[in-house]
Amino acid sequence: MIIGVFPLPIGYYTLVRLVVAAVAAYIAWKAYEQDNQSKWVWVFAFIAILFNPLIPIYLDSKPLWIMIDLATAGLFLYYSKKI
């Protein structure tokens, strides 16, 4: 995701959307199984919706997507150290 701050072909961004949405949905499901009141369920469900490739959410601002990408990468990193 951090590489996504650079201008790359559209295929890269489509692949990133697919992978991030799938992994975020999986983490949300696992967090729900462990504790359905966990805030991580909602955080990763939101990430899965934001990055879903089927009904993409388009934001015209590249700087905004850069901040979202970096924040999402940070959340994945933080959560991976938490488990």
N, C-alpha and C. Protein backbone atom coordinates (compact mmCIF):
# COMPACT_ATOMS: atom_id res chain seq x y z
N MET A 1 0.81 -1.18 0.00
CA MET A 1 0.00 0.00 0.00
C MET A 1 0.86 1.25 0.00
N ILE A 2 1.99 1.18 0.61
CA ILE A 2 2.85 2.36 0.67
C ILE A 2 3.38 2.70 -0.72
N ILE A 3 3.57 1.69 -1.55
CA ILE A 3 4.03 1.93 -2.92
C ILE A 3 2.97 2.69 -3.71
N GLY A 4 1.72 2.59 -3.30
CA GLY A 4 0.62 3.25 -3.99
C GLY A 4 0.68 4.76 -3.98
N VAL A 5 1.57 5.35 -3.21
CA VAL A 5 1.69 6.81 -3.22
C VAL A 5 2.34 7.30 -4.51
N PHE A 6 3.00 6.41 -5.23
CA PHE A 6 3.64 6.77 -6.49
C PHE A 6 2.67 6.56 -7.65
N PRO A 7 2.84 7.29 -8.73
CA PRO A 7 1.96 7.09 -9.89
C PRO A 7 2.26 5.75 -10.57
N LEU A 8 1.29 4.86 -10.55
CA LEU A 8 1.45 3.51 -11.11
C LEU A 8 0.29 3.21 -12.05
N PRO A 9 0.40 2.13 -12.83
CA PRO A 9 -0.70 1.77 -13.73
C PRO A 9 -1.96 1.41 -12.95
N ILE A 10 -3.10 1.57 -13.60
CA ILE A 10 -4.40 1.32 -12.95
C ILE A 10 -4.53 -0.13 -12.47
N GLY A 11 -3.87 -1.05 -13.14
CA GLY A 11 -3.92 -2.46 -12.73
C GLY A 11 -3.39 -2.67 -11.32
N TYR A 12 -2.38 -1.91 -10.95
CA TYR A 12 -1.83 -2.01 -9.59
C TYR A 12 -2.88 -1.63 -8.56
N TYR A 13 -3.56 -0.51 -8.81
CA TYR A 13 -4.56 -0.03 -7.86
C TYR A 13 -5.75 -0.97 -7.76
N THR A 14 -6.11 -1.60 -8.88
CA THR A 14 -7.20 -2.58 -8.85
C THR A 14 -6.80 -3.79 -8.02
N LEU A 15 -5.57 -4.25 -8.20
CA LEU A 15 -5.07 -5.38 -7.41
C LEU A 15 -5.01 -5.02 -5.93
N VAL A 16 -4.55 -3.83 -5.62
CA VAL A 16 -4.49 -3.39 -4.22
C VAL A 16 -5.88 -3.35 -3.61
N ARG A 17 -6.85 -2.83 -4.35
CA ARG A 17 -8.23 -2.80 -3.85
C ARG A 17 -8.72 -4.21 -3.53
N LEU A 18 -8.46 -5.13 -4.42
CA LEU A 18 -8.91 -6.51 -4.23
C LEU A 18 -8.26 -7.13 -3.00
N VAL A 19 -6.96 -7.01 -2.88
CA VAL A 19 -6.23 -7.62 -1.77
C VAL A 19 -6.60 -6.97 -0.44
N VAL A 20 -6.62 -5.64 -0.40
CA VAL A 20 -6.92 -4.94 0.85
C VAL A 20 -8.34 -5.23 1.31
N ALA A 21 -9.29 -5.21 0.38
CA ALA A 21 -10.68 -5.49 0.75
C ALA A 21 -10.83 -6.91 1.28
N ALA A 22 -10.19 -7.87 0.63
CA ALA A 22 -10.28 -9.26 1.07
C ALA A 22 -9.65 -9.47 2.44
N VAL A 23 -8.47 -8.92 2.63
CA VAL A 23 -7.78 -9.09 3.91
C VAL A 23 -8.52 -8.35 5.03
N ALA A 24 -9.00 -7.15 4.74
CA ALA A 24 -9.74 -6.40 5.75
C ALA A 24 -11.04 -7.12 6.14
N ALA A 25 -11.73 -7.68 5.16
CA ALA A 25 -12.96 -8.42 5.44
C ALA A 25 -12.64 -9.65 6.29
N TYR A 26 -11.55 -10.33 5.99
CA TYR A 26 -11.14 -11.51 6.75
C TYR A 26 -10.81 -11.12 8.20
N ILE A 27 -10.06 -10.04 8.37
CA ILE A 27 -9.70 -9.60 9.72
C ILE A 27 -10.96 -9.18 10.48
N ALA A 28 -11.87 -8.49 9.82
CA ALA A 28 -13.12 -8.09 10.48
C ALA A 28 -13.90 -9.32 10.93
N TRP A 29 -13.96 -10.34 10.08
CA TRP A 29 -14.68 -11.57 10.43
C TRP A 29 -14.02 -12.27 11.63
N LYS A 30 -12.70 -12.37 11.59
CA LYS A 30 -11.98 -13.02 12.70
C LYS A 30 -12.13 -12.22 14.00
N ALA A 31 -12.09 -10.90 13.90
CA ALA A 31 -12.28 -10.06 15.09
C ALA A 31 -13.69 -10.23 15.63
N TYR A 32 -14.67 -10.38 14.75
CA TYR A 32 -16.05 -10.61 15.16
C TYR A 32 -16.19 -11.95 15.87
N GLU A 33 -15.52 -12.97 15.34
CA GLU A 33 -15.58 -14.29 15.98
C GLU A 33 -14.97 -14.26 17.38
N GLN A 34 -13.91 -13.49 17.56
CA GLN A 34 -13.26 -13.41 18.87
C GLN A 34 -14.08 -12.59 19.85
N ASP A 35 -14.57 -11.45 19.39
CA ASP A 35 -15.34 -10.54 20.26
C ASP A 35 -16.16 -9.64 19.37
N ASN A 36 -17.46 -9.92 19.29
CA ASN A 36 -18.29 -9.16 18.35
C ASN A 36 -18.49 -7.71 18.77
N GLN A 37 -18.01 -7.32 19.92
CA GLN A 37 -18.09 -5.93 20.37
C GLN A 37 -16.79 -5.17 20.10
N SER A 38 -15.84 -5.84 19.48
CA SER A 38 -14.53 -5.24 19.23
C SER A 38 -14.62 -4.08 18.24
N LYS A 39 -13.88 -3.03 18.50
CA LYS A 39 -13.84 -1.89 17.57
C LYS A 39 -13.17 -2.28 16.26
N TRP A 40 -12.33 -3.32 16.30
CA TRP A 40 -11.62 -3.74 15.08
C TRP A 40 -12.58 -4.29 14.04
N VAL A 41 -13.69 -4.83 14.46
CA VAL A 41 -14.70 -5.31 13.50
C VAL A 41 -15.14 -4.15 12.62
N TRP A 42 -15.47 -3.04 13.24
CA TRP A 42 -15.95 -1.88 12.50
C TRP A 42 -14.85 -1.21 11.69
N VAL A 43 -13.67 -1.12 12.25
CA VAL A 43 -12.56 -0.48 11.54
C VAL A 43 -12.25 -1.23 10.25
N PHE A 44 -12.09 -2.56 10.35
CA PHE A 44 -11.72 -3.31 9.15
C PHE A 44 -12.89 -3.54 8.21
N ALA A 45 -14.11 -3.53 8.71
CA ALA A 45 -15.28 -3.58 7.83
C ALA A 45 -15.34 -2.30 7.00
N PHE A 46 -15.07 -1.17 7.62
CA PHE A 46 -15.05 0.10 6.88
C PHE A 46 -13.95 0.09 5.82
N ILE A 47 -12.77 -0.42 6.17
CA ILE A 47 -11.68 -0.50 5.20
C ILE A 47 -12.07 -1.40 4.04
N ALA A 48 -12.71 -2.53 4.33
CA ALA A 48 -13.14 -3.45 3.27
C ALA A 48 -14.13 -2.77 2.33
N ILE A 49 -15.04 -1.99 2.88
CA ILE A 49 -16.02 -1.28 2.05
C ILE A 49 -15.33 -0.19 1.23
N LEU A 50 -14.43 0.55 1.85
CA LEU A 50 -13.74 1.64 1.16
C LEU A 50 -12.90 1.14 -0.01
N PHE A 51 -12.26 -0.01 0.16
CA PHE A 51 -11.36 -0.52 -0.88
C PHE A 51 -12.00 -1.58 -1.78
N ASN A 52 -13.28 -1.86 -1.62
CA ASN A 52 -13.89 -2.92 -2.41
C ASN A 52 -13.80 -2.62 -3.90
N PRO A 53 -13.44 -3.63 -4.71
CA PRO A 53 -13.29 -3.40 -6.15
C PRO A 53 -14.60 -3.55 -6.93
N LEU A 54 -15.64 -4.10 -6.31
CA LEU A 54 -16.89 -4.32 -7.03
C LEU A 54 -17.70 -3.04 -7.19
N ILE A 55 -17.81 -2.27 -6.13
CA ILE A 55 -18.48 -0.97 -6.17
C ILE A 55 -17.47 0.04 -5.64
N PRO A 56 -16.53 0.45 -6.48
CA PRO A 56 -15.44 1.30 -5.99
C PRO A 56 -15.93 2.68 -5.56
N ILE A 57 -15.27 3.18 -4.55
CA ILE A 57 -15.52 4.54 -4.08
C ILE A 57 -14.42 5.40 -4.70
N TYR A 58 -14.84 6.35 -5.52
CA TYR A 58 -13.88 7.21 -6.19
C TYR A 58 -13.74 8.52 -5.43
N LEU A 59 -12.52 8.84 -5.11
CA LEU A 59 -12.19 10.13 -4.52
C LEU A 59 -11.26 10.83 -5.50
N ASP A 60 -11.61 12.00 -5.94
CA ASP A 60 -10.85 12.68 -6.99
C ASP A 60 -9.51 13.23 -6.50
N SER A 61 -9.29 13.21 -5.23
CA SER A 61 -8.10 13.82 -4.67
C SER A 61 -7.01 12.77 -4.42
N LYS A 62 -5.94 12.83 -5.18
CA LYS A 62 -4.82 11.90 -4.98
C LYS A 62 -4.19 12.07 -3.60
N PRO A 63 -4.00 13.30 -3.10
CA PRO A 63 -3.44 13.45 -1.75
C PRO A 63 -4.31 12.79 -0.67
N LEU A 64 -5.63 12.83 -0.85
CA LEU A 64 -6.51 12.19 0.12
C LEU A 64 -6.32 10.67 0.10
N TRP A 65 -6.21 10.09 -1.11
CA TRP A 65 -5.97 8.64 -1.20
C TRP A 65 -4.61 8.27 -0.62
N ILE A 66 -3.63 9.13 -0.79
CA ILE A 66 -2.30 8.86 -0.21
C ILE A 66 -2.42 8.79 1.31
N MET A 67 -3.14 9.72 1.91
CA MET A 67 -3.32 9.69 3.37
C MET A 67 -4.10 8.45 3.80
N ILE A 68 -5.12 8.08 3.04
CA ILE A 68 -5.91 6.88 3.36
C ILE A 68 -5.05 5.63 3.25
N ASP A 69 -4.24 5.55 2.18
CA ASP A 69 -3.36 4.40 2.00
C ASP A 69 -2.36 4.26 3.15
N LEU A 70 -1.75 5.37 3.54
CA LEU A 70 -0.77 5.32 4.62
C LEU A 70 -1.43 4.99 5.96
N ALA A 71 -2.60 5.56 6.21
CA ALA A 71 -3.32 5.27 7.46
C ALA A 71 -3.75 3.80 7.50
N THR A 72 -4.21 3.29 6.37
CA THR A 72 -4.62 1.88 6.31
C THR A 72 -3.43 0.96 6.50
N ALA A 73 -2.31 1.29 5.88
CA ALA A 73 -1.09 0.48 6.07
C ALA A 73 -0.69 0.50 7.55
N GLY A 74 -0.80 1.67 8.18
CA GLY A 74 -0.49 1.76 9.61
C GLY A 74 -1.43 0.93 10.46
N LEU A 75 -2.72 0.92 10.12
CA LEU A 75 -3.67 0.10 10.87
C LEU A 75 -3.38 -1.39 10.72
N PHE A 76 -3.07 -1.81 9.49
CA PHE A 76 -2.71 -3.22 9.28
C PHE A 76 -1.46 -3.58 10.08
N LEU A 77 -0.48 -2.71 10.07
CA LEU A 77 0.75 -2.96 10.81
C LEU A 77 0.49 -3.01 12.32
N TYR A 78 -0.26 -2.05 12.82
CA TYR A 78 -0.59 -2.02 14.25
C TYR A 78 -1.36 -3.28 14.66
N TYR A 79 -2.37 -3.65 13.86
CA TYR A 79 -3.16 -4.82 14.20
C TYR A 79 -2.34 -6.09 14.13
N SER A 80 -1.42 -6.18 13.17
CA SER A 80 -0.60 -7.39 13.05
C SER A 80 0.31 -7.56 14.26
N LYS A 81 0.76 -6.47 14.84
CA LYS A 81 1.59 -6.56 16.06
C LYS A 81 0.74 -6.86 17.29
N LYS A 82 -0.55 -6.53 17.19
CA LYS A 82 -1.45 -6.74 18.33
C LYS A 82 -1.78 -8.23 18.53
N ILE A 83 -1.84 -8.97 17.44
CA ILE A 83 -2.20 -10.39 17.55
C ILE A 83 -1.02 -11.27 17.77
